[in-house]
Amino acid sequence: MNTIYYLASCDTCRKIIKSLPNSDKLQFHDIKQDPITEAELEAMHELSGSYEALFSKKAQLYKSMDLKNKNLTEADYKKYILEHYTFLSRPVFIIDGKIYIGNSQKNINEVISVLK
């Protein structure tokens, strides 16, 4: 099943979801209500190639925990994503075995074209 990992309270995620064609083909996974599991994160890692690619450096906790001044490893990125949903770059789409991470316009355009 094709899945979107998102945050229901995020305005950007809601705006993106409204713009999606055939969104009924997606399984919606609100990461705040239903935190991602280690197995789900490992599946995302396998598709993306790194935990850092899945990690949001825009998260408020990233700044408040002063993580930008630390030398984070792949294990650190994984640990933080599993500890708190805000560290997952959103939204994450897994469609037909391919992963799309984040809300860049290029990324969203690719997702829209794949869902058409």
C-alpha atoms as a PDB file:
ATOM      1  CA  MET A   1       0.000   0.000   0.000  1.00  0.00           C
ATOM      2  CA  ASN A   2       1.222   3.487  -0.851  1.00  0.00           C
ATOM      3  CA  THR A   3       1.615   5.567   2.303  1.00  0.00           C
ATOM      4  CA  ILE A   4       1.998   9.165   3.366  1.00  0.00           C
ATOM      5  CA  TYR A   5       3.600   9.870   6.735  1.00  0.00           C
ATOM      6  CA  TYR A   6       2.435  13.312   7.800  1.00  0.00           C
ATOM      7  CA  LEU A   7       1.397  15.492  10.711  1.00  0.00           C
ATOM      8  CA  ALA A   8      -2.328  16.291  10.779  1.00  0.00           C
ATOM      9  CA  SER A   9      -1.727  19.516  12.699  1.00  0.00           C
ATOM     10  CA  CYS A  10       0.785  20.809  10.123  1.00  0.00           C
ATOM     11  CA  ASP A  11      -0.652  23.456   7.772  1.00  0.00           C
ATOM     12  CA  THR A  12       1.903  22.615   5.088  1.00  0.00           C
ATOM     13  CA  CYS A  13       0.991  18.918   5.186  1.00  0.00           C
ATOM     14  CA  ARG A  14      -2.727  19.710   4.995  1.00  0.00           C
ATOM     15  CA  LYS A  15      -2.165  22.035   2.025  1.00  0.00           C
ATOM     16  CA  ILE A  16      -0.127  19.370   0.206  1.00  0.00           C
ATOM     17  CA  ILE A  17      -2.731  16.672   0.886  1.00  0.00           C
ATOM     18  CA  LYS A  18      -5.480  18.905  -0.563  1.00  0.00           C
ATOM     19  CA  SER A  19      -3.437  19.287  -3.766  1.00  0.00           C
ATOM     20  CA  LEU A  20      -2.989  15.540  -4.313  1.00  0.00           C
ATOM     21  CA  PRO A  21      -4.900  13.768  -7.077  1.00  0.00           C
ATOM     22  CA  ASN A  22      -6.239  10.306  -6.244  1.00  0.00           C
ATOM     23  CA  SER A  23      -5.328  10.649  -2.562  1.00  0.00           C
ATOM     24  CA  ASP A  24      -7.716   7.765  -1.915  1.00  0.00           C
ATOM     25  CA  LYS A  25      -4.895   5.539  -3.210  1.00  0.00           C
ATOM     26  CA  LEU A  26      -2.810   6.491  -0.162  1.00  0.00           C
ATOM     27  CA  GLN A  27      -2.804   5.121   3.339  1.00  0.00           C
ATOM     28  CA  PHE A  28      -2.560   8.109   5.709  1.00  0.00           C
ATOM     29  CA  HIS A  29      -0.289   7.756   8.734  1.00  0.00           C
ATOM     30  CA  ASP A  30      -0.409  10.644  11.223  1.00  0.00           C
ATOM     31  CA  ILE A  31       2.948  10.368  12.982  1.00  0.00           C
ATOM     32  CA  LYS A  32       1.773  12.236  16.082  1.00  0.00           C
ATOM     33  CA  GLN A  33      -1.258  10.012  16.724  1.00  0.00           C
ATOM     34  CA  ASP A  34       0.525   6.836  15.620  1.00  0.00           C
ATOM     35  CA  PRO A  35       4.321   7.191  15.976  1.00  0.00           C
ATOM     36  CA  ILE A  36       6.441   5.480  13.363  1.00  0.00           C
ATOM     37  CA  THR A  37       7.931   2.180  14.386  1.00  0.00           C
ATOM     38  CA  GLU A  38      11.555   1.200  14.115  1.00  0.00           C
ATOM     39  CA  ALA A  39      10.596  -1.225  11.321  1.00  0.00           C
ATOM     40  CA  GLU A  40       8.852   1.562   9.362  1.00  0.00           C
ATOM     41  CA  LEU A  41      11.845   3.849   9.843  1.00  0.00           C
ATOM     42  CA  GLU A  42      14.222   1.114   8.697  1.00  0.00           C
ATOM     43  CA  ALA A  43      12.098   0.591   5.578  1.00  0.00           C
ATOM     44  CA  MET A  44      12.309   4.337   4.875  1.00  0.00           C
ATOM     45  CA  HIS A  45      16.064   4.204   5.463  1.00  0.00           C
ATOM     46  CA  GLU A  46      16.417   1.358   2.982  1.00  0.00           C
ATOM     47  CA  LEU A  47      14.645   3.437   0.320  1.00  0.00           C
ATOM     48  CA  SER A  48      16.346   6.761   1.104  1.00  0.00           C
ATOM     49  CA  GLY A  49      19.858   5.499   1.809  1.00  0.00           C
ATOM     50  CA  SER A  50      20.321   7.466   5.039  1.00  0.00           C
ATOM     51  CA  TYR A  51      18.631   8.525   8.248  1.00  0.00           C
ATOM     52  CA  GLU A  52      19.970  12.040   7.750  1.00  0.00           C
ATOM     53  CA  ALA A  53      17.856  12.360   4.576  1.00  0.00           C
ATOM     54  CA  LEU A  54      14.775  11.616   6.711  1.00  0.00           C
ATOM     55  CA  PHE A  55      15.770  14.019   9.499  1.00  0.00           C
ATOM     56  CA  SER A  56      14.303  17.517   9.718  1.00  0.00           C
ATOM     57  CA  LYS A  57      16.849  20.155  10.594  1.00  0.00           C
ATOM     58  CA  LYS A  58      13.988  22.663  10.600  1.00  0.00           C
ATOM     59  CA  ALA A  59      12.464  21.121  13.735  1.00  0.00           C
ATOM     60  CA  GLN A  60      12.249  23.482  16.688  1.00  0.00           C
ATOM     61  CA  LEU A  61      13.713  20.783  18.940  1.00  0.00           C
ATOM     62  CA  TYR A  62      16.766  20.637  16.643  1.00  0.00           C
ATOM     63  CA  LYS A  63      17.523  24.239  17.560  1.00  0.00           C
ATOM     64  CA  SER A  64      16.432  24.098  21.219  1.00  0.00           C
ATOM     65  CA  MET A  65      18.515  20.968  21.880  1.00  0.00           C
ATOM     66  CA  ASP A  66      21.459  22.662  20.131  1.00  0.00           C
ATOM     67  CA  LEU A  67      21.871  19.658  17.830  1.00  0.00           C
ATOM     68  CA  LYS A  68      23.164  21.871  15.012  1.00  0.00           C
ATOM     69  CA  ASN A  69      26.405  22.284  16.973  1.00  0.00           C
ATOM     70  CA  LYS A  70      26.834  18.538  17.482  1.00  0.00           C
ATOM     71  CA  ASN A  71      28.391  16.077  15.087  1.00  0.00           C
ATOM     72  CA  LEU A  72      25.433  13.716  14.592  1.00  0.00           C
ATOM     73  CA  THR A  73      25.912  10.185  13.278  1.00  0.00           C
ATOM     74  CA  GLU A  74      23.411   8.037  11.372  1.00  0.00           C
ATOM     75  CA  ALA A  75      22.649   6.272  14.679  1.00  0.00           C
ATOM     76  CA  ASP A  76      21.912   9.660  16.278  1.00  0.00           C
ATOM     77  CA  TYR A  77      19.533  10.644  13.467  1.00  0.00           C
ATOM     78  CA  LYS A  78      17.694   7.335  13.827  1.00  0.00           C
ATOM     79  CA  LYS A  79      17.473   7.684  17.622  1.00  0.00           C
ATOM     80  CA  TYR A  80      16.074  11.232  17.462  1.00  0.00           C
ATOM     81  CA  ILE A  81      13.505  10.381  14.778  1.00  0.00           C
ATOM     82  CA  LEU A  82      12.257   7.472  16.890  1.00  0.00           C
ATOM     83  CA  GLU A  83      12.227   9.593  20.062  1.00  0.00           C
ATOM     84  CA  HIS A  84      10.110  12.444  18.706  1.00  0.00           C
ATOM     85  CA  TYR A  85       7.911  12.745  15.620  1.00  0.00           C
ATOM     86  CA  THR A  86       9.019  16.320  14.953  1.00  0.00           C
ATOM     87  CA  PHE A  87      12.417  15.081  13.744  1.00  0.00           C
ATOM     88  CA  LEU A  88      10.945  13.289  10.710  1.00  0.00           C
ATOM     89  CA  SER A  89      11.048  15.489   7.638  1.00  0.00           C
ATOM     90  CA  ARG A  90       7.447  15.776   6.471  1.00  0.00           C
ATOM     91  CA  PRO A  91       5.631  14.604   4.553  1.00  0.00           C
ATOM     92  CA  VAL A  92       7.194  11.303   3.565  1.00  0.00           C
ATOM     93  CA  PHE A  93       5.526   9.436   0.711  1.00  0.00           C
ATOM     94  CA  ILE A  94       6.232   5.834  -0.186  1.00  0.00           C
ATOM     95  CA  ILE A  95       4.653   5.165  -3.560  1.00  0.00           C
ATOM     96  CA  ASP A  96       5.294   2.061  -5.645  1.00  0.00           C
ATOM     97  CA  GLY A  97       8.502   1.312  -3.762  1.00  0.00           C
ATOM     98  CA  LYS A  98       9.952   4.815  -4.161  1.00  0.00           C
ATOM     99  CA  ILE A  99      10.361   7.366  -1.374  1.00  0.00           C
ATOM    100  CA  TYR A 100       9.676  11.105  -1.557  1.00  0.00           C
ATOM    101  CA  ILE A 101      10.853  13.111   1.447  1.00  0.00           C
ATOM    102  CA  GLY A 102       9.873  16.642   2.407  1.00  0.00           C
ATOM    103  CA  ASN A 103       7.782  19.457   1.061  1.00  0.00           C
ATOM    104  CA  SER A 104       9.938  20.993  -1.672  1.00  0.00           C
ATOM    105  CA  GLN A 105       7.919  22.013  -4.716  1.00  0.00           C
ATOM    106  CA  LYS A 106       9.972  19.681  -6.930  1.00  0.00           C
ATOM    107  CA  ASN A 107       9.236  16.757  -4.621  1.00  0.00           C
ATOM    108  CA  ILE A 108       5.508  17.498  -4.405  1.00  0.00           C
ATOM    109  CA  ASN A 109       5.294  17.879  -8.205  1.00  0.00           C
ATOM    110  CA  GLU A 110       6.876  14.424  -8.580  1.00  0.00           C
ATOM    111  CA  VAL A 111       4.367  12.921  -6.122  1.00  0.00           C
ATOM    112  CA  ILE A 112       1.449  14.561  -7.957  1.00  0.00           C
ATOM    113  CA  SER A 113       2.641  13.226 -11.322  1.00  0.00           C
ATOM    114  CA  VAL A 114       3.059   9.709  -9.909  1.00  0.00           C
ATOM    115  CA  LEU A 115      -0.437   9.738  -8.371  1.00  0.00           C
ATOM    116  CA  LYS A 116      -2.192  10.890 -11.561  1.00  0.00           C
END
